[in-house]
Amino acid sequence: MDFKHNENQIALYSETGELLAEITFPYVDETTVDINHTFVDSSLRGQGIAGKLMQELVEELKKRELKAVPTCSYAQMWFEKHVEYEDLIK
């Protein structure tokens, strides 16, 4: 899967450029982002795409030395299940 990493978004696009999945995380301050939105197109649901987006995001947070405030309900649930990443939560 070829995710595109932008400043405050990780996304998956179709070959025609249609947005198929994304996670957005705008800055709250210089060292903190708000994980505020997770989207997966209905054609991809049930394939673990949202979890893959979260994995991409935690690697991005580590690389950029950022902390996160998950306000998206999916992100909150994901972090509850993956306590090994609790150090990334502010």
PDB file of N, CA and C in Angstrom:
ATOM      1  N   MET A   1       0.845  -1.177   0.000  1.00  0.00           N
ATOM      2  CA  MET A   1       0.000   0.000   0.000  1.00  0.00           C
ATOM      3  C   MET A   1       0.888   1.236   0.000  1.00  0.00           C
ATOM      4  N   ASP A   2       0.599   2.155  -0.878  1.00  0.00           N
ATOM      5  CA  ASP A   2       1.436   3.336  -1.042  1.00  0.00           C
ATOM      6  C   ASP A   2       0.743   4.560  -0.445  1.00  0.00           C
ATOM      7  N   PHE A   3       1.002   4.793   0.840  1.00  0.00           N
ATOM      8  CA  PHE A   3       0.416   5.943   1.515  1.00  0.00           C
ATOM      9  C   PHE A   3       1.212   7.198   1.181  1.00  0.00           C
ATOM     10  N   LYS A   4       0.512   8.306   0.990  1.00  0.00           N
ATOM     11  CA  LYS A   4       1.159   9.589   0.743  1.00  0.00           C
ATOM     12  C   LYS A   4       1.206  10.355   2.060  1.00  0.00           C
ATOM     13  N   HIS A   5       2.413  10.755   2.442  1.00  0.00           N
ATOM     14  CA  HIS A   5       2.611  11.498   3.687  1.00  0.00           C
ATOM     15  C   HIS A   5       2.690  12.991   3.375  1.00  0.00           C
ATOM     16  N   ASN A   6       1.757  13.738   3.934  1.00  0.00           N
ATOM     17  CA  ASN A   6       1.756  15.193   3.846  1.00  0.00           C
ATOM     18  C   ASN A   6       2.039  15.752   5.242  1.00  0.00           C
ATOM     19  N   GLU A   7       2.141  17.046   5.372  1.00  0.00           N
ATOM     20  CA  GLU A   7       2.485  17.665   6.656  1.00  0.00           C
ATOM     21  C   GLU A   7       1.545  17.237   7.786  1.00  0.00           C
ATOM     22  N   ASN A   8       0.238  17.266   7.545  1.00  0.00           N
ATOM     23  CA  ASN A   8      -0.738  16.944   8.582  1.00  0.00           C
ATOM     24  C   ASN A   8      -1.773  15.932   8.109  1.00  0.00           C
ATOM     25  N   GLN A   9      -1.346  15.058   7.204  1.00  0.00           N
ATOM     26  CA  GLN A   9      -2.254  14.060   6.653  1.00  0.00           C
ATOM     27  C   GLN A   9      -1.438  12.889   6.099  1.00  0.00           C
ATOM     28  N   ILE A  10      -1.976  11.694   6.286  1.00  0.00           N
ATOM     29  CA  ILE A  10      -1.471  10.512   5.597  1.00  0.00           C
ATOM     30  C   ILE A  10      -2.665   9.982   4.825  1.00  0.00           C
ATOM     31  N   ALA A  11      -2.486   9.750   3.523  1.00  0.00           N
ATOM     32  CA  ALA A  11      -3.628   9.421   2.679  1.00  0.00           C
ATOM     33  C   ALA A  11      -3.297   8.303   1.698  1.00  0.00           C
ATOM     34  N   LEU A  12      -4.350   7.680   1.231  1.00  0.00           N
ATOM     35  CA  LEU A  12      -4.270   6.655   0.193  1.00  0.00           C
ATOM     36  C   LEU A  12      -5.182   7.108  -0.935  1.00  0.00           C
ATOM     37  N   TYR A  13      -4.636   7.159  -2.142  1.00  0.00           N
ATOM     38  CA  TYR A  13      -5.387   7.593  -3.311  1.00  0.00           C
ATOM     39  C   TYR A  13      -5.499   6.459  -4.323  1.00  0.00           C
ATOM     40  N   SER A  14      -6.573   6.486  -5.094  1.00  0.00           N
ATOM     41  CA  SER A  14      -6.728   5.527  -6.187  1.00  0.00           C
ATOM     42  C   SER A  14      -5.797   5.932  -7.326  1.00  0.00           C
ATOM     43  N   GLU A  15      -5.718   5.107  -8.344  1.00  0.00           N
ATOM     44  CA  GLU A  15      -4.896   5.423  -9.512  1.00  0.00           C
ATOM     45  C   GLU A  15      -5.381   6.665 -10.235  1.00  0.00           C
ATOM     46  N   THR A  16      -6.670   6.997 -10.064  1.00  0.00           N
ATOM     47  CA  THR A  16      -7.232   8.188 -10.709  1.00  0.00           C
ATOM     48  C   THR A  16      -7.184   9.419  -9.804  1.00  0.00           C
ATOM     49  N   GLY A  17      -6.588   9.278  -8.618  1.00  0.00           N
ATOM     50  CA  GLY A  17      -6.445  10.413  -7.714  1.00  0.00           C
ATOM     51  C   GLY A  17      -7.566  10.588  -6.716  1.00  0.00           C
ATOM     52  N   GLU A  18      -8.497   9.650  -6.679  1.00  0.00           N
ATOM     53  CA  GLU A  18      -9.605   9.730  -5.726  1.00  0.00           C
ATOM     54  C   GLU A  18      -9.107   9.366  -4.324  1.00  0.00           C
ATOM     55  N   LEU A  19      -9.509  10.153  -3.323  1.00  0.00           N
ATOM     56  CA  LEU A  19      -9.151   9.866  -1.943  1.00  0.00           C
ATOM     57  C   LEU A  19      -9.875   8.612  -1.473  1.00  0.00           C
ATOM     58  N   LEU A  20      -9.109   7.600  -1.047  1.00  0.00           N
ATOM     59  CA  LEU A  20      -9.695   6.351  -0.582  1.00  0.00           C
ATOM     60  C   LEU A  20      -9.634   6.201   0.934  1.00  0.00           C
ATOM     61  N   ALA A  21      -8.628   6.809   1.554  1.00  0.00           N
ATOM     62  CA  ALA A  21      -8.471   6.713   3.006  1.00  0.00           C
ATOM     63  C   ALA A  21      -7.545   7.829   3.468  1.00  0.00           C
ATOM     64  N   GLU A  22      -7.767   8.291   4.701  1.00  0.00           N
ATOM     65  CA  GLU A  22      -6.880   9.323   5.241  1.00  0.00           C
ATOM     66  C   GLU A  22      -6.983   9.385   6.749  1.00  0.00           C
ATOM     67  N   ILE A  23      -5.922   9.941   7.315  1.00  0.00           N
ATOM     68  CA  ILE A  23      -5.923  10.325   8.723  1.00  0.00           C
ATOM     69  C   ILE A  23      -5.340  11.727   8.761  1.00  0.00           C
ATOM     70  N   THR A  24      -5.990  12.618   9.505  1.00  0.00           N
ATOM     71  CA  THR A  24      -5.510  14.001   9.588  1.00  0.00           C
ATOM     72  C   THR A  24      -5.108  14.315  11.019  1.00  0.00           C
ATOM     73  N   PHE A  25      -4.065  15.145  11.136  1.00  0.00           N
ATOM     74  CA  PHE A  25      -3.514  15.460  12.446  1.00  0.00           C
ATOM     75  C   PHE A  25      -2.889  16.856  12.449  1.00  0.00           C
ATOM     76  N   PRO A  26      -3.742  17.894  12.524  1.00  0.00           N
ATOM     77  CA  PRO A  26      -3.229  19.267  12.572  1.00  0.00           C
ATOM     78  C   PRO A  26      -2.468  19.538  13.872  1.00  0.00           C
ATOM     79  N   TYR A  27      -1.551  20.497  13.787  1.00  0.00           N
ATOM     80  CA  TYR A  27      -0.784  20.892  14.965  1.00  0.00           C
ATOM     81  C   TYR A  27      -1.657  21.586  16.002  1.00  0.00           C
ATOM     82  N   VAL A  28      -1.401  21.256  17.271  1.00  0.00           N
ATOM     83  CA  VAL A  28      -1.997  21.960  18.404  1.00  0.00           C
ATOM     84  C   VAL A  28      -0.987  22.998  18.881  1.00  0.00           C
ATOM     85  N   ASP A  29       0.273  22.598  18.932  1.00  0.00           N
ATOM     86  CA  ASP A  29       1.399  23.479  19.221  1.00  0.00           C
ATOM     87  C   ASP A  29       2.607  22.907  18.479  1.00  0.00           C
ATOM     88  N   GLU A  30       3.801  23.401  18.768  1.00  0.00           N
ATOM     89  CA  GLU A  30       4.989  22.999  18.008  1.00  0.00           C
ATOM     90  C   GLU A  30       5.341  21.518  18.137  1.00  0.00           C
ATOM     91  N   THR A  31       4.919  20.883  19.221  1.00  0.00           N
ATOM     92  CA  THR A  31       5.320  19.489  19.453  1.00  0.00           C
ATOM     93  C   THR A  31       4.132  18.530  19.586  1.00  0.00           C
ATOM     94  N   THR A  32       2.932  19.031  19.318  1.00  0.00           N
ATOM     95  CA  THR A  32       1.734  18.223  19.529  1.00  0.00           C
ATOM     96  C   THR A  32       0.786  18.328  18.337  1.00  0.00           C
ATOM     97  N   VAL A  33       0.220  17.176  17.952  1.00  0.00           N
ATOM     98  CA  VAL A  33      -0.804  17.170  16.909  1.00  0.00           C
ATOM     99  C   VAL A  33      -2.103  16.603  17.476  1.00  0.00           C
ATOM    100  N   ASP A  34      -3.200  16.960  16.845  1.00  0.00           N
ATOM    101  CA  ASP A  34      -4.528  16.465  17.205  1.00  0.00           C
ATOM    102  C   ASP A  34      -4.947  15.465  16.128  1.00  0.00           C
ATOM    103  N   ILE A  35      -5.028  14.187  16.475  1.00  0.00           N
ATOM    104  CA  ILE A  35      -5.508  13.187  15.529  1.00  0.00           C
ATOM    105  C   ILE A  35      -7.023  13.325  15.503  1.00  0.00           C
ATOM    106  N   ASN A  36      -7.519  14.072  14.521  1.00  0.00           N
ATOM    107  CA  ASN A  36      -8.921  14.483  14.567  1.00  0.00           C
ATOM    108  C   ASN A  36      -9.828  13.822  13.541  1.00  0.00           C
ATOM    109  N   HIS A  37      -9.279  13.014  12.630  1.00  0.00           N
ATOM    110  CA  HIS A  37     -10.148  12.462  11.579  1.00  0.00           C
ATOM    111  C   HIS A  37      -9.504  11.233  10.963  1.00  0.00           C
ATOM    112  N   THR A  38     -10.285  10.175  10.847  1.00  0.00           N
ATOM    113  CA  THR A  38      -9.876   8.969  10.134  1.00  0.00           C
ATOM    114  C   THR A  38     -11.007   8.613   9.177  1.00  0.00           C
ATOM    115  N   PHE A  39     -10.644   8.367   7.927  1.00  0.00           N
ATOM    116  CA  PHE A  39     -11.634   8.041   6.903  1.00  0.00           C
ATOM    117  C   PHE A  39     -11.133   6.867   6.071  1.00  0.00           C
ATOM    118  N   VAL A  40     -12.017   5.911   5.811  1.00  0.00           N
ATOM    119  CA  VAL A  40     -11.745   4.819   4.878  1.00  0.00           C
ATOM    120  C   VAL A  40     -12.978   4.669   3.998  1.00  0.00           C
ATOM    121  N   ASP A  41     -12.766   4.709   2.690  1.00  0.00           N
ATOM    122  CA  ASP A  41     -13.861   4.547   1.733  1.00  0.00           C
ATOM    123  C   ASP A  41     -14.542   3.199   1.953  1.00  0.00           C
ATOM    124  N   SER A  42     -15.846   3.161   1.725  1.00  0.00           N
ATOM    125  CA  SER A  42     -16.607   1.935   1.961  1.00  0.00           C
ATOM    126  C   SER A  42     -16.089   0.761   1.129  1.00  0.00           C
ATOM    127  N   SER A  43     -15.470   1.029  -0.007  1.00  0.00           N
ATOM    128  CA  SER A  43     -14.939  -0.048  -0.852  1.00  0.00           C
ATOM    129  C   SER A  43     -13.745  -0.756  -0.223  1.00  0.00           C
ATOM    130  N   LEU A  44     -13.133  -0.135   0.775  1.00  0.00           N
ATOM    131  CA  LEU A  44     -11.948  -0.712   1.423  1.00  0.00           C
ATOM    132  C   LEU A  44     -12.204  -1.158   2.859  1.00  0.00           C
ATOM    133  N   ARG A  45     -13.397  -0.946   3.371  1.00  0.00           N
ATOM    134  CA  ARG A  45     -13.675  -1.276   4.771  1.00  0.00           C
ATOM    135  C   ARG A  45     -13.511  -2.765   5.025  1.00  0.00           C
ATOM    136  N   GLY A  46     -13.091  -3.087   6.225  1.00  0.00           N
ATOM    137  CA  GLY A  46     -12.909  -4.474   6.617  1.00  0.00           C
ATOM    138  C   GLY A  46     -11.570  -5.062   6.205  1.00  0.00           C
ATOM    139  N   GLN A  47     -10.680  -4.231   5.679  1.00  0.00           N
ATOM    140  CA  GLN A  47      -9.366  -4.695   5.226  1.00  0.00           C
ATOM    141  C   GLN A  47      -8.233  -4.223   6.126  1.00  0.00           C
ATOM    142  N   GLY A  48      -8.580  -3.590   7.237  1.00  0.00           N
ATOM    143  CA  GLY A  48      -7.554  -3.127   8.167  1.00  0.00           C
ATOM    144  C   GLY A  48      -6.831  -1.862   7.739  1.00  0.00           C
ATOM    145  N   ILE A  49      -7.417  -1.108   6.830  1.00  0.00           N
ATOM    146  CA  ILE A  49      -6.773   0.099   6.303  1.00  0.00           C
ATOM    147  C   ILE A  49      -6.613   1.159   7.393  1.00  0.00           C
ATOM    148  N   ALA A  50      -7.629   1.353   8.226  1.00  0.00           N
ATOM    149  CA  ALA A  50      -7.534   2.365   9.292  1.00  0.00           C
ATOM    150  C   ALA A  50      -6.398   2.021  10.247  1.00  0.00           C
ATOM    151  N   GLY A  51      -6.240   0.766  10.571  1.00  0.00           N
ATOM    152  CA  GLY A  51      -5.136   0.347  11.430  1.00  0.00           C
ATOM    153  C   GLY A  51      -3.790   0.587  10.777  1.00  0.00           C
ATOM    154  N   LYS A  52      -3.708   0.380   9.463  1.00  0.00           N
ATOM    155  CA  LYS A  52      -2.463   0.641   8.735  1.00  0.00           C
ATOM    156  C   LYS A  52      -2.156   2.130   8.725  1.00  0.00           C
ATOM    157  N   LEU A  53      -3.204   2.954   8.596  1.00  0.00           N
ATOM    158  CA  LEU A  53      -3.001   4.399   8.692  1.00  0.00           C
ATOM    159  C   LEU A  53      -2.436   4.777  10.060  1.00  0.00           C
ATOM    160  N   MET A  54      -2.984   4.171  11.108  1.00  0.00           N
ATOM    161  CA  MET A  54      -2.493   4.464  12.460  1.00  0.00           C
ATOM    162  C   MET A  54      -1.031   4.040  12.618  1.00  0.00           C
ATOM    163  N   GLN A  55      -0.669   2.890  12.065  1.00  0.00           N
ATOM    164  CA  GLN A  55       0.731   2.441  12.131  1.00  0.00           C
ATOM    165  C   GLN A  55       1.646   3.424  11.426  1.00  0.00           C
ATOM    166  N   GLU A  56       1.217   3.895  10.257  1.00  0.00           N
ATOM    167  CA  GLU A  56       1.994   4.903   9.529  1.00  0.00           C
ATOM    168  C   GLU A  56       2.128   6.166  10.375  1.00  0.00           C
ATOM    169  N   LEU A  57       1.033   6.544  11.029  1.00  0.00           N
ATOM    170  CA  LEU A  57       1.043   7.755  11.850  1.00  0.00           C
ATOM    171  C   LEU A  57       1.988   7.629  13.039  1.00  0.00           C
ATOM    172  N   VAL A  58       1.961   6.519  13.756  1.00  0.00           N
ATOM    173  CA  VAL A  58       2.844   6.418  14.926  1.00  0.00           C
ATOM    174  C   VAL A  58       4.308   6.452  14.503  1.00  0.00           C
ATOM    175  N   GLU A  59       4.631   5.881  13.358  1.00  0.00           N
ATOM    176  CA  GLU A  59       6.013   5.966  12.856  1.00  0.00           C
ATOM    177  C   GLU A  59       6.375   7.407  12.516  1.00  0.00           C
ATOM    178  N   GLU A  60       5.420   8.135  11.942  1.00  0.00           N
ATOM    179  CA  GLU A  60       5.628   9.551  11.623  1.00  0.00           C
ATOM    180  C   GLU A  60       5.815  10.376  12.897  1.00  0.00           C
ATOM    181  N   LEU A  61       5.009  10.098  13.919  1.00  0.00           N
ATOM    182  CA  LEU A  61       5.141  10.815  15.190  1.00  0.00           C
ATOM    183  C   LEU A  61       6.521  10.579  15.798  1.00  0.00           C
ATOM    184  N   LYS A  62       6.965   9.336  15.788  1.00  0.00           N
ATOM    185  CA  LYS A  62       8.294   9.022  16.334  1.00  0.00           C
ATOM    186  C   LYS A  62       9.381   9.747  15.553  1.00  0.00           C
ATOM    187  N   LYS A  63       9.306   9.681  14.248  1.00  0.00           N
ATOM    188  CA  LYS A  63      10.324  10.287  13.390  1.00  0.00           C
ATOM    189  C   LYS A  63      10.402  11.800  13.600  1.00  0.00           C
ATOM    190  N   ARG A  64       9.248  12.429  13.763  1.00  0.00           N
ATOM    191  CA  ARG A  64       9.198  13.883  13.915  1.00  0.00           C
ATOM    192  C   ARG A  64       9.220  14.321  15.384  1.00  0.00           C
ATOM    193  N   GLU A  65       9.333  13.347  16.296  1.00  0.00           N
ATOM    194  CA  GLU A  65       9.377  13.603  17.740  1.00  0.00           C
ATOM    195  C   GLU A  65       8.187  14.440  18.193  1.00  0.00           C
ATOM    196  N   LEU A  66       6.991  13.980  17.810  1.00  0.00           N
ATOM    197  CA  LEU A  66       5.751  14.657  18.168  1.00  0.00           C
ATOM    198  C   LEU A  66       4.946  13.818  19.148  1.00  0.00           C
ATOM    199  N   LYS A  67       4.106  14.487  19.910  1.00  0.00           N
ATOM    200  CA  LYS A  67       3.111  13.843  20.768  1.00  0.00           C
ATOM    201  C   LYS A  67       1.736  14.068  20.139  1.00  0.00           C
ATOM    202  N   ALA A  68       0.774  13.257  20.541  1.00  0.00           N
ATOM    203  CA  ALA A  68      -0.552  13.346  19.940  1.00  0.00           C
ATOM    204  C   ALA A  68      -1.648  13.439  20.984  1.00  0.00           C
ATOM    205  N   VAL A  69      -2.710  14.126  20.598  1.00  0.00           N
ATOM    206  CA  VAL A  69      -3.963  14.168  21.347  1.00  0.00           C
ATOM    207  C   VAL A  69      -5.011  13.559  20.411  1.00  0.00           C
ATOM    208  N   PRO A  70      -5.423  12.327  20.660  1.00  0.00           N
ATOM    209  CA  PRO A  70      -6.410  11.722  19.759  1.00  0.00           C
ATOM    210  C   PRO A  70      -7.834  12.163  20.110  1.00  0.00           C
ATOM    211  N   THR A  71      -8.446  12.950  19.233  1.00  0.00           N
ATOM    212  CA  THR A  71      -9.836  13.343  19.434  1.00  0.00           C
ATOM    213  C   THR A  71     -10.772  12.556  18.521  1.00  0.00           C
ATOM    214  N   CYS A  72     -10.235  11.929  17.501  1.00  0.00           N
ATOM    215  CA  CYS A  72     -11.021  11.043  16.631  1.00  0.00           C
ATOM    216  C   CYS A  72     -11.345   9.771  17.411  1.00  0.00           C
ATOM    217  N   SER A  73     -12.586   9.328  17.350  1.00  0.00           N
ATOM    218  CA  SER A  73     -12.997   8.159  18.133  1.00  0.00           C
ATOM    219  C   SER A  73     -12.226   6.900  17.731  1.00  0.00           C
ATOM    220  N   TYR A  74     -11.916   6.743  16.457  1.00  0.00           N
ATOM    221  CA  TYR A  74     -11.149   5.561  16.037  1.00  0.00           C
ATOM    222  C   TYR A  74      -9.746   5.605  16.626  1.00  0.00           C
ATOM    223  N   ALA A  75      -9.102   6.773  16.562  1.00  0.00           N
ATOM    224  CA  ALA A  75      -7.746   6.907  17.102  1.00  0.00           C
ATOM    225  C   ALA A  75      -7.733   6.648  18.605  1.00  0.00           C
ATOM    226  N   GLN A  76      -8.738   7.137  19.322  1.00  0.00           N
ATOM    227  CA  GLN A  76      -8.822   6.893  20.758  1.00  0.00           C
ATOM    228  C   GLN A  76      -8.902   5.398  21.044  1.00  0.00           C
ATOM    229  N   MET A  77      -9.775   4.711  20.310  1.00  0.00           N
ATOM    230  CA  MET A  77      -9.940   3.272  20.493  1.00  0.00           C
ATOM    231  C   MET A  77      -8.649   2.523  20.135  1.00  0.00           C
ATOM    232  N   TRP A  78      -7.991   2.934  19.063  1.00  0.00           N
ATOM    233  CA  TRP A  78      -6.773   2.272  18.617  1.00  0.00           C
ATOM    234  C   TRP A  78      -5.683   2.385  19.683  1.00  0.00           C
ATOM    235  N   PHE A  79      -5.503   3.575  20.249  1.00  0.00           N
ATOM    236  CA  PHE A  79      -4.482   3.757  21.283  1.00  0.00           C
ATOM    237  C   PHE A  79      -4.823   2.974  22.547  1.00  0.00           C
ATOM    238  N   GLU A  80      -6.101   2.826  22.861  1.00  0.00           N
ATOM    239  CA  GLU A  80      -6.492   2.015  24.019  1.00  0.00           C
ATOM    240  C   GLU A  80      -6.084   0.556  23.825  1.00  0.00           C
ATOM    241  N   LYS A  81      -6.149   0.077  22.595  1.00  0.00           N
ATOM    242  CA  LYS A  81      -5.785  -1.307  22.291  1.00  0.00           C
ATOM    243  C   LYS A  81      -4.280  -1.496  22.092  1.00  0.00           C
ATOM    244  N   HIS A  82      -3.565  -0.431  21.816  1.00  0.00           N
ATOM    245  CA  HIS A  82      -2.130  -0.501  21.542  1.00  0.00           C
ATOM    246  C   HIS A  82      -1.367   0.323  22.587  1.00  0.00           C
ATOM    247  N   VAL A  83      -1.379  -0.181  23.805  1.00  0.00           N
ATOM    248  CA  VAL A  83      -0.771   0.544  24.927  1.00  0.00           C
ATOM    249  C   VAL A  83       0.738   0.702  24.768  1.00  0.00           C
ATOM    250  N   GLU A  84       1.336  -0.069  23.865  1.00  0.00           N
ATOM    251  CA  GLU A  84       2.781   0.063  23.637  1.00  0.00           C
ATOM    252  C   GLU A  84       3.151   1.427  23.044  1.00  0.00           C
ATOM    253  N   TYR A  85       2.142   2.173  22.582  1.00  0.00           N
ATOM    254  CA  TYR A  85       2.390   3.514  22.021  1.00  0.00           C
ATOM    255  C   TYR A  85       1.900   4.623  22.934  1.00  0.00           C
ATOM    256  N   GLU A  86       1.589   4.313  24.190  1.00  0.00           N
ATOM    257  CA  GLU A  86       1.055   5.339  25.094  1.00  0.00           C
ATOM    258  C   GLU A  86       2.035   6.484  25.331  1.00  0.00           C
ATOM    259  N   ASP A  87       3.325   6.230  25.100  1.00  0.00           N
ATOM    260  CA  ASP A  87       4.315   7.306  25.257  1.00  0.00           C
ATOM    261  C   ASP A  87       4.161   8.400  24.204  1.00  0.00           C
ATOM    262  N   LEU A  88       3.401   8.146  23.155  1.00  0.00           N
ATOM    263  CA  LEU A  88       3.162   9.147  22.111  1.00  0.00           C
ATOM    264  C   LEU A  88       1.970  10.047  22.426  1.00  0.00           C
ATOM    265  N   ILE A  89       1.218   9.704  23.467  1.00  0.00           N
ATOM    266  CA  ILE A  89       0.040  10.475  23.848  1.00  0.00           C
ATOM    267  C   ILE A  89       0.443  11.574  24.832  1.00  0.00           C
ATOM    268  N   LYS A  90      -0.075  12.754  24.550  1.00  0.00           N
ATOM    269  CA  LYS A  90       0.205  13.880  25.455  1.00  0.00           C
ATOM    270  C   LYS A  90      -0.863  13.932  26.536  1.00  0.00           C
TER     271      LYS A  90
END
